[in-house]
Amino acid sequence: MSIRQVVLDTETTGLEVSKGHRIIEIGCIELIERRPTGRHFHRYLNPDRDIDAGAAEVTGLTLEFLADKPRFAAIAEEFIEFVKDAELIIHNADFDVGFLDHELSLCTASVRRLVDCSRIVDTLALARERYPGKRNSLDALCARLDIDNAHRTLHGALLDAELLADVYLAMTAGQG
């Protein structure tokens, strides 16, 4: 059976799910046997709440743009179907998984937690093992691994997932 991985990133209205922040964008890239398949999952979401100034600045997303987008509940099953049985590759997984699990808990999704349908690999933890004491943000890893991210002026979930796929493949090259 071939190894299926999904590189995933989210953008949110703010940094703390405990303060009612929500997901505003999900981007996923499918890899099979460590190669991009061209399949991806990308959705903008209406958060039904304000976006923190810092989050709006980083993502460029506005409530006006998101107003006609679906709510998470409307895309939950499609999202679950895309990530189900895959190994999820996520940078700072606790953050994204915390938000996704919260969104799943708010709707009638068939899955309540990502770990119930997928395995999760945290590339931040991998980077900290490989490069202890160094900056291990996505930008820092791109620079360290010679991955061109010059076109990245704003954080976008799909673009960040594409960069993370390159970072993950470079960081784990040669590993069986």
C-alpha atoms as a PDB file:
ATOM      1  CA  MET A   1       0.000   0.000   0.000  1.00  0.00           C
ATOM      2  CA  SER A   2       1.345   3.419  -0.895  1.00  0.00           C
ATOM      3  CA  ILE A   3       2.084   6.027   1.736  1.00  0.00           C
ATOM      4  CA  ARG A   4      -0.389   8.910   1.555  1.00  0.00           C
ATOM      5  CA  GLN A   5       0.489  12.153   3.283  1.00  0.00           C
ATOM      6  CA  VAL A   6      -1.389  15.434   3.444  1.00  0.00           C
ATOM      7  CA  VAL A   7       0.537  18.616   4.189  1.00  0.00           C
ATOM      8  CA  LEU A   8      -1.843  20.933   6.022  1.00  0.00           C
ATOM      9  CA  ASP A   9      -1.943  24.562   7.137  1.00  0.00           C
ATOM     10  CA  THR A  10      -4.622  26.845   8.518  1.00  0.00           C
ATOM     11  CA  GLU A  11      -5.055  30.573   8.953  1.00  0.00           C
ATOM     12  CA  THR A  12      -7.135  31.821  11.877  1.00  0.00           C
ATOM     13  CA  THR A  13      -8.801  34.966  13.233  1.00  0.00           C
ATOM     14  CA  GLY A  14      -6.288  35.037  16.098  1.00  0.00           C
ATOM     15  CA  LEU A  15      -3.937  32.901  18.136  1.00  0.00           C
ATOM     16  CA  GLU A  16      -6.152  31.414  20.843  1.00  0.00           C
ATOM     17  CA  VAL A  17      -8.969  28.958  20.311  1.00  0.00           C
ATOM     18  CA  SER A  18      -9.864  29.500  24.000  1.00  0.00           C
ATOM     19  CA  LYS A  19     -10.754  33.110  23.160  1.00  0.00           C
ATOM     20  CA  GLY A  20     -13.207  32.018  20.471  1.00  0.00           C
ATOM     21  CA  HIS A  21     -10.893  32.422  17.506  1.00  0.00           C
ATOM     22  CA  ARG A  22     -11.838  30.471  14.385  1.00  0.00           C
ATOM     23  CA  ILE A  23     -10.306  29.087  11.207  1.00  0.00           C
ATOM     24  CA  ILE A  24     -10.555  31.351   8.152  1.00  0.00           C
ATOM     25  CA  GLU A  25      -8.551  29.279   5.659  1.00  0.00           C
ATOM     26  CA  ILE A  26      -7.490  25.639   5.240  1.00  0.00           C
ATOM     27  CA  GLY A  27      -4.916  24.509   2.697  1.00  0.00           C
ATOM     28  CA  CYS A  28      -3.860  20.896   2.078  1.00  0.00           C
ATOM     29  CA  ILE A  29      -1.506  19.298  -0.450  1.00  0.00           C
ATOM     30  CA  GLU A  30      -1.584  15.541  -1.104  1.00  0.00           C
ATOM     31  CA  LEU A  31       1.649  13.545  -1.382  1.00  0.00           C
ATOM     32  CA  ILE A  32       1.811   9.885  -2.376  1.00  0.00           C
ATOM     33  CA  GLU A  33       5.155   8.154  -1.913  1.00  0.00           C
ATOM     34  CA  ARG A  34       6.599  11.599  -1.057  1.00  0.00           C
ATOM     35  CA  ARG A  35       5.516  13.129  -4.387  1.00  0.00           C
ATOM     36  CA  PRO A  36       2.859  15.830  -4.876  1.00  0.00           C
ATOM     37  CA  THR A  37      -0.124  14.351  -6.726  1.00  0.00           C
ATOM     38  CA  GLY A  38      -1.652  17.659  -7.794  1.00  0.00           C
ATOM     39  CA  ARG A  39      -4.667  17.022  -5.529  1.00  0.00           C
ATOM     40  CA  HIS A  40      -5.310  19.679  -2.952  1.00  0.00           C
ATOM     41  CA  PHE A  41      -8.023  20.906  -0.605  1.00  0.00           C
ATOM     42  CA  HIS A  42      -8.362  24.665  -0.185  1.00  0.00           C
ATOM     43  CA  ARG A  43     -11.217  26.596   1.417  1.00  0.00           C
ATOM     44  CA  TYR A  44     -11.747  30.082   2.778  1.00  0.00           C
ATOM     45  CA  LEU A  45     -14.208  30.122   5.680  1.00  0.00           C
ATOM     46  CA  ASN A  46     -16.585  32.643   7.196  1.00  0.00           C
ATOM     47  CA  PRO A  47     -15.589  32.812  10.884  1.00  0.00           C
ATOM     48  CA  ASP A  48     -18.710  34.657  12.113  1.00  0.00           C
ATOM     49  CA  ARG A  49     -16.444  36.906  14.185  1.00  0.00           C
ATOM     50  CA  ASP A  50     -13.901  39.706  13.861  1.00  0.00           C
ATOM     51  CA  ILE A  51     -10.353  39.014  12.718  1.00  0.00           C
ATOM     52  CA  ASP A  52      -7.603  40.297  15.027  1.00  0.00           C
ATOM     53  CA  ALA A  53      -5.594  43.124  13.454  1.00  0.00           C
ATOM     54  CA  GLY A  54      -2.416  41.028  13.582  1.00  0.00           C
ATOM     55  CA  ALA A  55      -4.056  38.078  11.821  1.00  0.00           C
ATOM     56  CA  ALA A  56      -5.554  40.333   9.145  1.00  0.00           C
ATOM     57  CA  GLU A  57      -2.159  41.912   8.569  1.00  0.00           C
ATOM     58  CA  VAL A  58      -0.391  38.544   8.224  1.00  0.00           C
ATOM     59  CA  THR A  59      -3.028  36.920   5.974  1.00  0.00           C
ATOM     60  CA  GLY A  60      -4.489  39.883   4.088  1.00  0.00           C
ATOM     61  CA  LEU A  61      -7.927  38.340   4.656  1.00  0.00           C
ATOM     62  CA  THR A  62     -10.887  40.560   5.532  1.00  0.00           C
ATOM     63  CA  LEU A  63     -14.389  39.925   6.838  1.00  0.00           C
ATOM     64  CA  GLU A  64     -15.727  41.468   3.633  1.00  0.00           C
ATOM     65  CA  PHE A  65     -13.875  38.856   1.551  1.00  0.00           C
ATOM     66  CA  LEU A  66     -14.959  36.004   3.856  1.00  0.00           C
ATOM     67  CA  ALA A  67     -18.610  37.121   4.217  1.00  0.00           C
ATOM     68  CA  ASP A  68     -19.938  34.882   1.400  1.00  0.00           C
ATOM     69  CA  LYS A  69     -17.662  31.920   2.164  1.00  0.00           C
ATOM     70  CA  PRO A  70     -18.981  28.724   3.774  1.00  0.00           C
ATOM     71  CA  ARG A  71     -18.810  28.068   7.491  1.00  0.00           C
ATOM     72  CA  PHE A  72     -16.625  25.190   8.687  1.00  0.00           C
ATOM     73  CA  ALA A  73     -19.633  22.937   9.325  1.00  0.00           C
ATOM     74  CA  ALA A  74     -20.546  23.100   5.630  1.00  0.00           C
ATOM     75  CA  ILE A  75     -17.161  21.741   4.508  1.00  0.00           C
ATOM     76  CA  ALA A  76     -16.340  19.487   7.494  1.00  0.00           C
ATOM     77  CA  GLU A  77     -17.184  16.150   5.838  1.00  0.00           C
ATOM     78  CA  GLU A  78     -15.378  17.077   2.605  1.00  0.00           C
ATOM     79  CA  PHE A  79     -12.322  18.032   4.695  1.00  0.00           C
ATOM     80  CA  ILE A  80     -12.469  14.799   6.724  1.00  0.00           C
ATOM     81  CA  GLU A  81     -12.739  12.772   3.509  1.00  0.00           C
ATOM     82  CA  PHE A  82      -9.604  14.486   2.146  1.00  0.00           C
ATOM     83  CA  VAL A  83      -7.440  13.901   5.251  1.00  0.00           C
ATOM     84  CA  LYS A  84      -8.852  10.529   6.361  1.00  0.00           C
ATOM     85  CA  ASP A  85      -6.274   7.740   6.691  1.00  0.00           C
ATOM     86  CA  ALA A  86      -3.432  10.080   5.700  1.00  0.00           C
ATOM     87  CA  GLU A  87      -0.355  11.034   7.649  1.00  0.00           C
ATOM     88  CA  LEU A  88      -0.843  14.765   8.273  1.00  0.00           C
ATOM     89  CA  ILE A  89       2.291  16.885   7.982  1.00  0.00           C
ATOM     90  CA  ILE A  90       1.743  20.082  10.008  1.00  0.00           C
ATOM     91  CA  HIS A  91       4.162  22.760  11.234  1.00  0.00           C
ATOM     92  CA  ASN A  92       3.431  23.492  14.906  1.00  0.00           C
ATOM     93  CA  ALA A  93       0.732  20.826  14.818  1.00  0.00           C
ATOM     94  CA  ASP A  94      -0.672  21.617  18.278  1.00  0.00           C
ATOM     95  CA  PHE A  95      -1.874  24.994  16.976  1.00  0.00           C
ATOM     96  CA  ASP A  96      -3.641  23.780  13.815  1.00  0.00           C
ATOM     97  CA  VAL A  97      -4.952  20.575  15.390  1.00  0.00           C
ATOM     98  CA  GLY A  98      -6.317  22.539  18.358  1.00  0.00           C
ATOM     99  CA  PHE A  99      -8.270  24.799  16.009  1.00  0.00           C
ATOM    100  CA  LEU A 100      -9.437  21.954  13.754  1.00  0.00           C
ATOM    101  CA  ASP A 101     -10.529  19.795  16.706  1.00  0.00           C
ATOM    102  CA  HIS A 102     -12.453  22.775  18.101  1.00  0.00           C
ATOM    103  CA  GLU A 103     -14.193  23.354  14.755  1.00  0.00           C
ATOM    104  CA  LEU A 104     -15.026  19.637  14.496  1.00  0.00           C
ATOM    105  CA  SER A 105     -16.487  19.709  18.021  1.00  0.00           C
ATOM    106  CA  LEU A 106     -18.786  22.611  17.109  1.00  0.00           C
ATOM    107  CA  CYS A 107     -20.496  20.790  14.235  1.00  0.00           C
ATOM    108  CA  THR A 108     -22.049  17.383  13.673  1.00  0.00           C
ATOM    109  CA  ALA A 109     -19.009  16.003  11.851  1.00  0.00           C
ATOM    110  CA  SER A 110     -18.464  12.239  11.679  1.00  0.00           C
ATOM    111  CA  VAL A 111     -15.071  12.771  13.352  1.00  0.00           C
ATOM    112  CA  ARG A 112     -14.533  14.789  16.528  1.00  0.00           C
ATOM    113  CA  ARG A 113     -10.720  14.876  16.563  1.00  0.00           C
ATOM    114  CA  LEU A 114      -8.172  14.672  13.765  1.00  0.00           C
ATOM    115  CA  VAL A 115      -6.276  11.870  15.517  1.00  0.00           C
ATOM    116  CA  ASP A 116      -9.406   9.727  15.146  1.00  0.00           C
ATOM    117  CA  CYS A 117      -8.953   9.647  11.345  1.00  0.00           C
ATOM    118  CA  SER A 118      -5.285  10.540  10.690  1.00  0.00           C
ATOM    119  CA  ARG A 119      -1.763  10.262  12.027  1.00  0.00           C
ATOM    120  CA  ILE A 120      -0.048  13.578  12.747  1.00  0.00           C
ATOM    121  CA  VAL A 121       3.595  14.534  12.181  1.00  0.00           C
ATOM    122  CA  ASP A 122       4.738  17.874  13.624  1.00  0.00           C
ATOM    123  CA  THR A 123       7.485  19.346  11.442  1.00  0.00           C
ATOM    124  CA  LEU A 124       8.303  21.900  14.158  1.00  0.00           C
ATOM    125  CA  ALA A 125       9.201  19.028  16.506  1.00  0.00           C
ATOM    126  CA  LEU A 126      11.240  17.397  13.707  1.00  0.00           C
ATOM    127  CA  ALA A 127      13.046  20.685  13.038  1.00  0.00           C
ATOM    128  CA  ARG A 128      13.811  21.204  16.747  1.00  0.00           C
ATOM    129  CA  GLU A 129      15.384  17.714  16.866  1.00  0.00           C
ATOM    130  CA  ARG A 130      17.401  18.318  13.723  1.00  0.00           C
ATOM    131  CA  TYR A 131      18.374  21.959  14.405  1.00  0.00           C
ATOM    132  CA  PRO A 132      18.410  22.412  18.199  1.00  0.00           C
ATOM    133  CA  GLY A 133      18.730  25.984  19.445  1.00  0.00           C
ATOM    134  CA  LYS A 134      18.017  27.487  16.014  1.00  0.00           C
ATOM    135  CA  ARG A 135      14.975  29.355  14.700  1.00  0.00           C
ATOM    136  CA  ASN A 136      12.642  26.815  13.169  1.00  0.00           C
ATOM    137  CA  SER A 137       9.819  28.920  11.745  1.00  0.00           C
ATOM    138  CA  LEU A 138       8.694  28.027   8.232  1.00  0.00           C
ATOM    139  CA  ASP A 139      10.592  31.057   6.870  1.00  0.00           C
ATOM    140  CA  ALA A 140      13.754  30.113   8.788  1.00  0.00           C
ATOM    141  CA  LEU A 141      13.561  26.525   7.491  1.00  0.00           C
ATOM    142  CA  CYS A 142      13.039  27.735   3.916  1.00  0.00           C
ATOM    143  CA  ALA A 143      16.198  29.852   4.238  1.00  0.00           C
ATOM    144  CA  ARG A 144      18.195  27.019   5.859  1.00  0.00           C
ATOM    145  CA  LEU A 145      17.101  24.442   3.254  1.00  0.00           C
ATOM    146  CA  ASP A 146      17.406  26.754   0.211  1.00  0.00           C
ATOM    147  CA  ILE A 147      13.678  26.727  -0.543  1.00  0.00           C
ATOM    148  CA  ASP A 148      12.584  29.835  -2.436  1.00  0.00           C
ATOM    149  CA  ASN A 149       9.819  31.635  -0.563  1.00  0.00           C
ATOM    150  CA  ALA A 150      10.442  35.098  -2.051  1.00  0.00           C
ATOM    151  CA  HIS A 151       6.949  35.051  -3.580  1.00  0.00           C
ATOM    152  CA  ARG A 152       5.426  34.761  -0.090  1.00  0.00           C
ATOM    153  CA  THR A 153       4.405  38.282   0.946  1.00  0.00           C
ATOM    154  CA  LEU A 154       1.396  37.159   2.990  1.00  0.00           C
ATOM    155  CA  HIS A 155       0.636  33.960   4.882  1.00  0.00           C
ATOM    156  CA  GLY A 156      -1.849  31.844   2.975  1.00  0.00           C
ATOM    157  CA  ALA A 157      -2.789  28.325   3.997  1.00  0.00           C
ATOM    158  CA  LEU A 158      -2.311  26.742   0.560  1.00  0.00           C
ATOM    159  CA  LEU A 159       0.964  28.554  -0.186  1.00  0.00           C
ATOM    160  CA  ASP A 160       2.288  27.718   3.281  1.00  0.00           C
ATOM    161  CA  ALA A 161       1.295  24.057   2.799  1.00  0.00           C
ATOM    162  CA  GLU A 162       3.212  24.020  -0.514  1.00  0.00           C
ATOM    163  CA  LEU A 163       6.293  25.527   1.178  1.00  0.00           C
ATOM    164  CA  LEU A 164       5.952  23.119   4.093  1.00  0.00           C
ATOM    165  CA  ALA A 165       5.799  20.166   1.681  1.00  0.00           C
ATOM    166  CA  ASP A 166       9.130  21.295   0.207  1.00  0.00           C
ATOM    167  CA  VAL A 167      10.603  21.829   3.703  1.00  0.00           C
ATOM    168  CA  TYR A 168       9.388  18.432   4.944  1.00  0.00           C
ATOM    169  CA  LEU A 169      10.726  16.582   1.902  1.00  0.00           C
ATOM    170  CA  ALA A 170      14.098  18.362   2.212  1.00  0.00           C
ATOM    171  CA  MET A 171      14.308  17.750   5.988  1.00  0.00           C
ATOM    172  CA  THR A 172      13.478  14.047   5.658  1.00  0.00           C
ATOM    173  CA  ALA A 173      15.358  13.289   2.423  1.00  0.00           C
ATOM    174  CA  GLY A 174      17.152   9.979   2.596  1.00  0.00           C
ATOM    175  CA  GLN A 175      15.013   8.682   5.464  1.00  0.00           C
ATOM    176  CA  GLY A 176      13.211   5.408   4.886  1.00  0.00           C
END
